[in-house]
Amino acid sequence: MALVRTNVTLPEELLRQVDELAGPRGRSQYVAEAVAKRVKRDRLGKALDETFGVLIGTPDWLDGDQALALAKEMRAGWNREP
């Protein structure tokens, strides 16, 4: 993957903590990994928001009681020996 230089402004204390954890010359990788995690989380949240309720009224839709019963049934199977 190609790298691009950018300028980011951070609070001094936060940068000190990043440097403490990332070690010498590890700042860019540390920040890149943190941003990648945040982007993944935000994209998932956006997808969930955009698809919220899409199954309501379809045969695949479960109400709260049905979803709870299914979850309990699945969890019960986790304790069984293969």
N, C-alpha and C. Protein backbone atom coordinates (compact mmCIF):
# COMPACT_ATOMS: atom_id res chain seq x y z
N MET A 1 0.84 -1.17 0.00
CA MET A 1 0.00 0.00 0.00
C MET A 1 0.89 1.24 0.00
N ALA A 2 0.55 2.20 -0.84
CA ALA A 2 1.33 3.43 -0.92
C ALA A 2 1.10 4.28 0.33
N LEU A 3 2.15 4.92 0.77
CA LEU A 3 2.06 5.80 1.93
C LEU A 3 1.97 7.25 1.47
N VAL A 4 1.21 8.04 2.20
CA VAL A 4 1.05 9.46 1.90
C VAL A 4 1.36 10.24 3.17
N ARG A 5 2.14 11.28 3.04
CA ARG A 5 2.46 12.13 4.19
C ARG A 5 1.32 13.11 4.42
N THR A 6 1.00 13.30 5.70
CA THR A 6 -0.04 14.26 6.06
C THR A 6 0.35 14.97 7.34
N ASN A 7 -0.35 16.02 7.65
CA ASN A 7 -0.10 16.76 8.87
C ASN A 7 -1.34 16.65 9.75
N VAL A 8 -1.17 16.15 10.96
CA VAL A 8 -2.28 15.99 11.90
C VAL A 8 -1.91 16.72 13.18
N THR A 9 -2.85 17.47 13.71
CA THR A 9 -2.62 18.21 14.95
C THR A 9 -3.29 17.46 16.09
N LEU A 10 -2.50 17.13 17.13
CA LEU A 10 -2.99 16.39 18.29
C LEU A 10 -2.66 17.15 19.56
N PRO A 11 -3.45 16.97 20.59
CA PRO A 11 -3.09 17.56 21.87
C PRO A 11 -1.73 17.01 22.35
N GLU A 12 -0.95 17.87 22.95
CA GLU A 12 0.41 17.50 23.36
C GLU A 12 0.43 16.27 24.27
N GLU A 13 -0.47 16.20 25.23
CA GLU A 13 -0.49 15.08 26.17
C GLU A 13 -0.84 13.78 25.44
N LEU A 14 -1.76 13.84 24.50
CA LEU A 14 -2.12 12.63 23.74
C LEU A 14 -0.93 12.15 22.92
N LEU A 15 -0.23 13.06 22.29
CA LEU A 15 0.95 12.68 21.51
C LEU A 15 2.03 12.07 22.40
N ARG A 16 2.18 12.61 23.59
CA ARG A 16 3.16 12.04 24.53
C ARG A 16 2.79 10.60 24.87
N GLN A 17 1.51 10.35 25.08
CA GLN A 17 1.06 8.99 25.40
C GLN A 17 1.26 8.05 24.21
N VAL A 18 0.99 8.53 23.02
CA VAL A 18 1.22 7.71 21.81
C VAL A 18 2.68 7.34 21.72
N ASP A 19 3.55 8.33 21.88
CA ASP A 19 4.99 8.07 21.78
C ASP A 19 5.46 7.10 22.86
N GLU A 20 4.88 7.21 24.04
CA GLU A 20 5.23 6.31 25.15
C GLU A 20 4.88 4.86 24.79
N LEU A 21 3.76 4.67 24.15
CA LEU A 21 3.30 3.33 23.80
C LEU A 21 3.90 2.81 22.49
N ALA A 22 4.07 3.69 21.52
CA ALA A 22 4.52 3.27 20.20
C ALA A 22 6.03 3.06 20.13
N GLY A 23 6.75 3.69 21.02
CA GLY A 23 8.20 3.56 21.00
C GLY A 23 8.82 4.45 19.95
N PRO A 24 10.15 4.39 19.89
CA PRO A 24 10.88 5.22 18.93
C PRO A 24 10.48 4.90 17.49
N ARG A 25 10.13 5.91 16.78
CA ARG A 25 9.80 5.80 15.35
C ARG A 25 8.58 4.92 15.06
N GLY A 26 7.73 4.70 16.06
CA GLY A 26 6.54 3.89 15.84
C GLY A 26 5.25 4.69 15.77
N ARG A 27 5.38 6.00 15.82
CA ARG A 27 4.21 6.88 15.89
C ARG A 27 3.28 6.69 14.68
N SER A 28 3.80 6.72 13.48
CA SER A 28 2.95 6.65 12.29
C SER A 28 2.17 5.35 12.22
N GLN A 29 2.84 4.25 12.49
CA GLN A 29 2.15 2.96 12.45
C GLN A 29 1.08 2.88 13.53
N TYR A 30 1.38 3.37 14.70
CA TYR A 30 0.42 3.36 15.80
C TYR A 30 -0.83 4.16 15.45
N VAL A 31 -0.61 5.37 14.93
CA VAL A 31 -1.74 6.23 14.56
C VAL A 31 -2.51 5.61 13.40
N ALA A 32 -1.82 5.05 12.42
CA ALA A 32 -2.49 4.43 11.27
C ALA A 32 -3.38 3.26 11.72
N GLU A 33 -2.88 2.44 12.64
CA GLU A 33 -3.68 1.31 13.14
C GLU A 33 -4.90 1.80 13.92
N ALA A 34 -4.71 2.85 14.72
CA ALA A 34 -5.83 3.39 15.49
C ALA A 34 -6.90 3.97 14.56
N VAL A 35 -6.47 4.69 13.54
CA VAL A 35 -7.42 5.27 12.59
C VAL A 35 -8.12 4.17 11.80
N ALA A 36 -7.40 3.12 11.42
CA ALA A 36 -8.01 2.02 10.67
C ALA A 36 -9.10 1.34 11.50
N LYS A 37 -8.85 1.15 12.79
CA LYS A 37 -9.87 0.55 13.67
C LYS A 37 -11.09 1.45 13.76
N ARG A 38 -10.88 2.75 13.88
CA ARG A 38 -12.00 3.69 13.99
C ARG A 38 -12.80 3.72 12.69
N VAL A 39 -12.12 3.70 11.55
CA VAL A 39 -12.81 3.70 10.26
C VAL A 39 -13.65 2.43 10.11
N LYS A 40 -13.10 1.30 10.49
CA LYS A 40 -13.85 0.03 10.42
C LYS A 40 -15.09 0.10 11.29
N ARG A 41 -14.95 0.61 12.52
CA ARG A 41 -16.07 0.72 13.44
C ARG A 41 -17.13 1.67 12.90
N ASP A 42 -16.71 2.82 12.38
CA ASP A 42 -17.65 3.81 11.87
C ASP A 42 -18.38 3.31 10.62
N ARG A 43 -17.67 2.58 9.76
CA ARG A 43 -18.32 2.03 8.56
C ARG A 43 -19.35 0.97 8.95
N LEU A 44 -19.03 0.16 9.94
CA LEU A 44 -19.99 -0.83 10.42
C LEU A 44 -21.21 -0.13 11.01
N GLY A 45 -21.00 0.89 11.81
CA GLY A 45 -22.11 1.64 12.39
C GLY A 45 -22.99 2.26 11.31
N LYS A 46 -22.37 2.79 10.28
CA LYS A 46 -23.13 3.38 9.17
C LYS A 46 -23.97 2.32 8.47
N ALA A 47 -23.37 1.15 8.23
CA ALA A 47 -24.11 0.06 7.58
C ALA A 47 -25.28 -0.40 8.44
N LEU A 48 -25.06 -0.48 9.74
CA LEU A 48 -26.15 -0.87 10.64
C LEU A 48 -27.27 0.16 10.64
N ASP A 49 -26.91 1.43 10.67
CA ASP A 49 -27.91 2.50 10.63
C ASP A 49 -28.72 2.44 9.33
N GLU A 50 -28.03 2.21 8.22
CA GLU A 50 -28.69 2.21 6.91
C GLU A 50 -29.59 1.00 6.71
N THR A 51 -29.31 -0.09 7.39
CA THR A 51 -30.10 -1.31 7.19
C THR A 51 -31.03 -1.62 8.36
N PHE A 52 -31.09 -0.74 9.35
CA PHE A 52 -31.93 -0.97 10.51
C PHE A 52 -33.38 -1.17 10.08
N GLY A 53 -33.97 -2.28 10.52
CA GLY A 53 -35.38 -2.55 10.26
C GLY A 53 -35.69 -3.09 8.90
N VAL A 54 -34.68 -3.39 8.10
CA VAL A 54 -34.93 -3.83 6.72
C VAL A 54 -35.71 -5.15 6.66
N LEU A 55 -35.61 -5.99 7.69
CA LEU A 55 -36.29 -7.29 7.67
C LEU A 55 -37.70 -7.26 8.26
N ILE A 56 -38.08 -6.14 8.86
CA ILE A 56 -39.41 -6.07 9.47
C ILE A 56 -40.48 -6.35 8.42
N GLY A 57 -41.37 -7.27 8.76
CA GLY A 57 -42.45 -7.64 7.85
C GLY A 57 -42.10 -8.71 6.85
N THR A 58 -40.85 -9.21 6.89
CA THR A 58 -40.47 -10.31 5.99
C THR A 58 -40.47 -11.61 6.78
N PRO A 59 -40.45 -12.75 6.09
CA PRO A 59 -40.43 -14.03 6.79
C PRO A 59 -39.20 -14.24 7.67
N ASP A 60 -38.12 -13.52 7.40
CA ASP A 60 -36.89 -13.68 8.19
C ASP A 60 -36.86 -12.83 9.44
N TRP A 61 -37.83 -11.96 9.64
CA TRP A 61 -37.85 -11.06 10.78
C TRP A 61 -38.25 -11.79 12.05
N LEU A 62 -37.54 -11.52 13.15
CA LEU A 62 -37.85 -12.08 14.46
C LEU A 62 -38.18 -10.94 15.40
N ASP A 63 -39.24 -11.10 16.19
CA ASP A 63 -39.51 -10.10 17.21
C ASP A 63 -38.56 -10.35 18.39
N GLY A 64 -38.62 -9.51 19.39
CA GLY A 64 -37.69 -9.62 20.52
C GLY A 64 -37.73 -10.97 21.21
N ASP A 65 -38.92 -11.50 21.44
CA ASP A 65 -39.05 -12.80 22.12
C ASP A 65 -38.48 -13.93 21.26
N GLN A 66 -38.73 -13.88 19.96
CA GLN A 66 -38.20 -14.92 19.06
C GLN A 66 -36.68 -14.85 18.99
N ALA A 67 -36.14 -13.64 18.93
CA ALA A 67 -34.68 -13.48 18.87
C ALA A 67 -34.02 -13.99 20.15
N LEU A 68 -34.64 -13.70 21.30
CA LEU A 68 -34.10 -14.18 22.57
C LEU A 68 -34.14 -15.70 22.64
N ALA A 69 -35.23 -16.31 22.20
CA ALA A 69 -35.34 -17.77 22.21
C ALA A 69 -34.28 -18.38 21.30
N LEU A 70 -34.06 -17.80 20.13
CA LEU A 70 -33.04 -18.30 19.21
C LEU A 70 -31.65 -18.18 19.82
N ALA A 71 -31.36 -17.04 20.46
CA ALA A 71 -30.05 -16.85 21.10
C ALA A 71 -29.82 -17.88 22.20
N LYS A 72 -30.84 -18.13 23.01
CA LYS A 72 -30.72 -19.12 24.09
C LYS A 72 -30.48 -20.51 23.52
N GLU A 73 -31.18 -20.84 22.45
CA GLU A 73 -31.00 -22.15 21.81
C GLU A 73 -29.58 -22.30 21.26
N MET A 74 -29.08 -21.25 20.64
CA MET A 74 -27.72 -21.31 20.09
C MET A 74 -26.69 -21.43 21.21
N ARG A 75 -26.86 -20.66 22.28
CA ARG A 75 -25.91 -20.70 23.41
C ARG A 75 -25.92 -22.06 24.08
N ALA A 76 -27.07 -22.70 24.16
CA ALA A 76 -27.15 -24.03 24.77
C ALA A 76 -26.30 -25.03 23.98
N GLY A 77 -26.23 -24.85 22.69
CA GLY A 77 -25.43 -25.74 21.84
C GLY A 77 -23.94 -25.54 22.00
N TRP A 78 -23.51 -24.40 22.52
CA TRP A 78 -22.08 -24.12 22.69
C TRP A 78 -21.45 -25.02 23.75
N ASN A 79 -22.24 -25.49 24.72
CA ASN A 79 -21.69 -26.28 25.81
C ASN A 79 -21.65 -27.77 25.50
N ARG A 80 -22.19 -28.16 24.40
CA ARG A 80 -22.20 -29.57 24.05
C ARG A 80 -20.87 -30.00 23.44
N GLU A 81 -20.49 -31.23 23.74
CA GLU A 81 -19.27 -31.78 23.16
C GLU A 81 -19.54 -32.13 21.70
N PRO A 82 -18.56 -31.91 20.81
CA PRO A 82 -18.75 -32.22 19.39
C PRO A 82 -18.84 -33.71 19.14
